[in-house]
Amino acid sequence: MLFRRLLRTAAKPDYFLVVTRSAEFGHLDMTASDWKSDDSLLISFSERDCHQEALLLMPSYGFVRTELGSFFLESYALRPSTARLRIETGFGDATTCVTQKAPSN
């Protein structure tokens, strides 16, 4: 990484370095044209068996779409230099994850 200068106080970055793993966020469909926001940059992707891991540079409110739904990157108001992926529910197809139990006999 190249840094131009050190900041004296925390500032909101232009992009965040984000890691997604299929075990936590669901499977990415890399063949879909809208699997990530246009302003998000894929740095690295690996897949083995049914496990995936992606490394992306994402701006605030950039998104990735998985089988579980759309995850938006949201920065914290009190700490703008940190962010988290948050799933958005209730848009388009249902993105709520439902676990079904096998009937007990």
C-alpha atoms as a PDB file:
ATOM      1  CA  MET A   1       0.000   0.000   0.000  1.00  0.00           C
ATOM      2  CA  LEU A   2       1.113   3.524  -0.704  1.00  0.00           C
ATOM      3  CA  PHE A   3       0.329   6.327   1.713  1.00  0.00           C
ATOM      4  CA  ARG A   4       0.740   9.967   0.788  1.00  0.00           C
ATOM      5  CA  ARG A   5       0.762  11.245   4.363  1.00  0.00           C
ATOM      6  CA  LEU A   6      -0.324  10.302   7.870  1.00  0.00           C
ATOM      7  CA  LEU A   7      -3.487  11.923   9.184  1.00  0.00           C
ATOM      8  CA  ARG A   8      -3.491  13.598  12.579  1.00  0.00           C
ATOM      9  CA  THR A   9      -7.086  12.578  13.289  1.00  0.00           C
ATOM     10  CA  ALA A  10      -9.311   9.752  12.099  1.00  0.00           C
ATOM     11  CA  ALA A  11     -11.072  10.415   8.808  1.00  0.00           C
ATOM     12  CA  LYS A  12     -13.606   8.550   6.746  1.00  0.00           C
ATOM     13  CA  PRO A  13     -11.718   6.611   4.047  1.00  0.00           C
ATOM     14  CA  ASP A  14     -12.748   6.596   0.403  1.00  0.00           C
ATOM     15  CA  TYR A  15     -12.655   2.782   0.395  1.00  0.00           C
ATOM     16  CA  PHE A  16     -12.618   0.012   2.985  1.00  0.00           C
ATOM     17  CA  LEU A  17     -10.814  -3.315   2.628  1.00  0.00           C
ATOM     18  CA  VAL A  18     -13.525  -5.987   3.046  1.00  0.00           C
ATOM     19  CA  VAL A  19     -13.321  -9.781   3.281  1.00  0.00           C
ATOM     20  CA  THR A  20     -16.374 -11.940   2.569  1.00  0.00           C
ATOM     21  CA  ARG A  21     -16.502 -15.664   3.289  1.00  0.00           C
ATOM     22  CA  SER A  22     -19.294 -17.915   2.074  1.00  0.00           C
ATOM     23  CA  ALA A  23     -19.638 -19.459   5.549  1.00  0.00           C
ATOM     24  CA  GLU A  24     -20.572 -16.027   6.954  1.00  0.00           C
ATOM     25  CA  PHE A  25     -22.203 -14.152   4.071  1.00  0.00           C
ATOM     26  CA  GLY A  26     -23.421 -16.832   1.688  1.00  0.00           C
ATOM     27  CA  HIS A  27     -22.332 -17.901  -1.794  1.00  0.00           C
ATOM     28  CA  LEU A  28     -21.410 -15.211  -4.349  1.00  0.00           C
ATOM     29  CA  ASP A  29     -22.686 -15.720  -7.894  1.00  0.00           C
ATOM     30  CA  MET A  30     -19.769 -14.247  -9.817  1.00  0.00           C
ATOM     31  CA  THR A  31     -21.583 -14.788 -13.131  1.00  0.00           C
ATOM     32  CA  ALA A  32     -24.335 -12.310 -12.200  1.00  0.00           C
ATOM     33  CA  SER A  33     -23.721  -8.780 -13.480  1.00  0.00           C
ATOM     34  CA  ASP A  34     -24.983  -7.216 -10.248  1.00  0.00           C
ATOM     35  CA  TRP A  35     -23.204  -9.360  -7.623  1.00  0.00           C
ATOM     36  CA  LYS A  36     -21.358  -6.234  -6.378  1.00  0.00           C
ATOM     37  CA  SER A  37     -21.811  -2.487  -6.704  1.00  0.00           C
ATOM     38  CA  ASP A  38     -20.058  -0.911  -9.703  1.00  0.00           C
ATOM     39  CA  ASP A  39     -17.849   1.198  -7.435  1.00  0.00           C
ATOM     40  CA  SER A  40     -16.574  -1.850  -5.493  1.00  0.00           C
ATOM     41  CA  LEU A  41     -13.293  -3.330  -6.705  1.00  0.00           C
ATOM     42  CA  LEU A  42     -12.526  -7.043  -6.548  1.00  0.00           C
ATOM     43  CA  ILE A  43      -8.936  -7.545  -5.354  1.00  0.00           C
ATOM     44  CA  SER A  44      -8.857 -11.320  -4.876  1.00  0.00           C
ATOM     45  CA  PHE A  45     -11.220 -14.294  -5.085  1.00  0.00           C
ATOM     46  CA  SER A  46     -10.717 -17.920  -4.161  1.00  0.00           C
ATOM     47  CA  GLU A  47     -13.033 -20.910  -4.297  1.00  0.00           C
ATOM     48  CA  ARG A  48     -12.585 -24.524  -3.266  1.00  0.00           C
ATOM     49  CA  ASP A  49     -15.373 -27.077  -3.099  1.00  0.00           C
ATOM     50  CA  CYS A  50     -18.306 -25.000  -1.826  1.00  0.00           C
ATOM     51  CA  HIS A  51     -16.171 -22.453   0.077  1.00  0.00           C
ATOM     52  CA  GLN A  52     -15.497 -18.953  -1.223  1.00  0.00           C
ATOM     53  CA  GLU A  53     -13.531 -15.958  -0.007  1.00  0.00           C
ATOM     54  CA  ALA A  54     -13.384 -12.541  -1.672  1.00  0.00           C
ATOM     55  CA  LEU A  55     -11.274  -9.495  -0.890  1.00  0.00           C
ATOM     56  CA  LEU A  56     -12.749  -6.197  -2.084  1.00  0.00           C
ATOM     57  CA  LEU A  57     -12.209  -2.462  -1.839  1.00  0.00           C
ATOM     58  CA  MET A  58     -15.626  -0.956  -1.142  1.00  0.00           C
ATOM     59  CA  PRO A  59     -16.898   2.582  -0.533  1.00  0.00           C
ATOM     60  CA  SER A  60     -19.468   3.287   2.156  1.00  0.00           C
ATOM     61  CA  TYR A  61     -22.829   1.872   1.070  1.00  0.00           C
ATOM     62  CA  GLY A  62     -21.223  -0.284  -1.590  1.00  0.00           C
ATOM     63  CA  PHE A  63     -22.822  -3.727  -1.695  1.00  0.00           C
ATOM     64  CA  VAL A  64     -22.338  -7.403  -2.455  1.00  0.00           C
ATOM     65  CA  ARG A  65     -25.200  -9.785  -3.244  1.00  0.00           C
ATOM     66  CA  THR A  66     -25.174 -13.397  -2.119  1.00  0.00           C
ATOM     67  CA  GLU A  67     -27.674 -16.214  -1.870  1.00  0.00           C
ATOM     68  CA  LEU A  68     -28.678 -14.758   1.526  1.00  0.00           C
ATOM     69  CA  GLY A  69     -29.396 -11.240   0.284  1.00  0.00           C
ATOM     70  CA  SER A  70     -27.732  -7.858  -0.262  1.00  0.00           C
ATOM     71  CA  PHE A  71     -25.037  -6.759   2.175  1.00  0.00           C
ATOM     72  CA  PHE A  72     -24.323  -3.019   2.341  1.00  0.00           C
ATOM     73  CA  LEU A  73     -21.154  -1.569   3.803  1.00  0.00           C
ATOM     74  CA  GLU A  74     -22.099   0.831   6.553  1.00  0.00           C
ATOM     75  CA  SER A  75     -19.600   3.042   8.382  1.00  0.00           C
ATOM     76  CA  TYR A  76     -20.083   3.818  12.059  1.00  0.00           C
ATOM     77  CA  ALA A  77     -21.201   7.390  12.824  1.00  0.00           C
ATOM     78  CA  LEU A  78     -18.928   7.708  15.869  1.00  0.00           C
ATOM     79  CA  ARG A  79     -15.965   5.964  14.211  1.00  0.00           C
ATOM     80  CA  PRO A  80     -16.089   6.833  10.502  1.00  0.00           C
ATOM     81  CA  SER A  81     -12.836   4.974   9.842  1.00  0.00           C
ATOM     82  CA  THR A  82     -14.543   1.619  10.592  1.00  0.00           C
ATOM     83  CA  ALA A  83     -17.383  -0.115   8.782  1.00  0.00           C
ATOM     84  CA  ARG A  84     -19.351  -3.375   8.682  1.00  0.00           C
ATOM     85  CA  LEU A  85     -21.404  -5.307   6.167  1.00  0.00           C
ATOM     86  CA  ARG A  86     -25.101  -5.217   7.036  1.00  0.00           C
ATOM     87  CA  ILE A  87     -27.761  -7.312   5.341  1.00  0.00           C
ATOM     88  CA  GLU A  88     -30.714  -5.419   3.920  1.00  0.00           C
ATOM     89  CA  THR A  89     -34.030  -7.206   4.181  1.00  0.00           C
ATOM     90  CA  GLY A  90     -37.394  -6.559   2.598  1.00  0.00           C
ATOM     91  CA  PHE A  91     -36.364  -5.561  -0.941  1.00  0.00           C
ATOM     92  CA  GLY A  92     -37.219  -7.608  -4.009  1.00  0.00           C
ATOM     93  CA  ASP A  93     -36.926 -11.262  -3.195  1.00  0.00           C
ATOM     94  CA  ALA A  94     -37.015 -12.068   0.502  1.00  0.00           C
ATOM     95  CA  THR A  95     -33.559 -11.978   2.030  1.00  0.00           C
ATOM     96  CA  THR A  96     -34.467 -13.394   5.399  1.00  0.00           C
ATOM     97  CA  CYS A  97     -32.627 -16.610   6.099  1.00  0.00           C
ATOM     98  CA  VAL A  98     -34.913 -19.343   7.419  1.00  0.00           C
ATOM     99  CA  THR A  99     -33.564 -22.529   8.968  1.00  0.00           C
ATOM    100  CA  GLN A 100     -35.903 -25.477   8.775  1.00  0.00           C
ATOM    101  CA  LYS A 101     -35.751 -28.374  11.197  1.00  0.00           C
ATOM    102  CA  ALA A 102     -36.415 -31.918  10.113  1.00  0.00           C
ATOM    103  CA  PRO A 103     -39.686 -33.221  11.572  1.00  0.00           C
ATOM    104  CA  SER A 104     -39.111 -35.319  14.678  1.00  0.00           C
ATOM    105  CA  ASN A 105     -40.677 -38.760  14.692  1.00  0.00           C
END
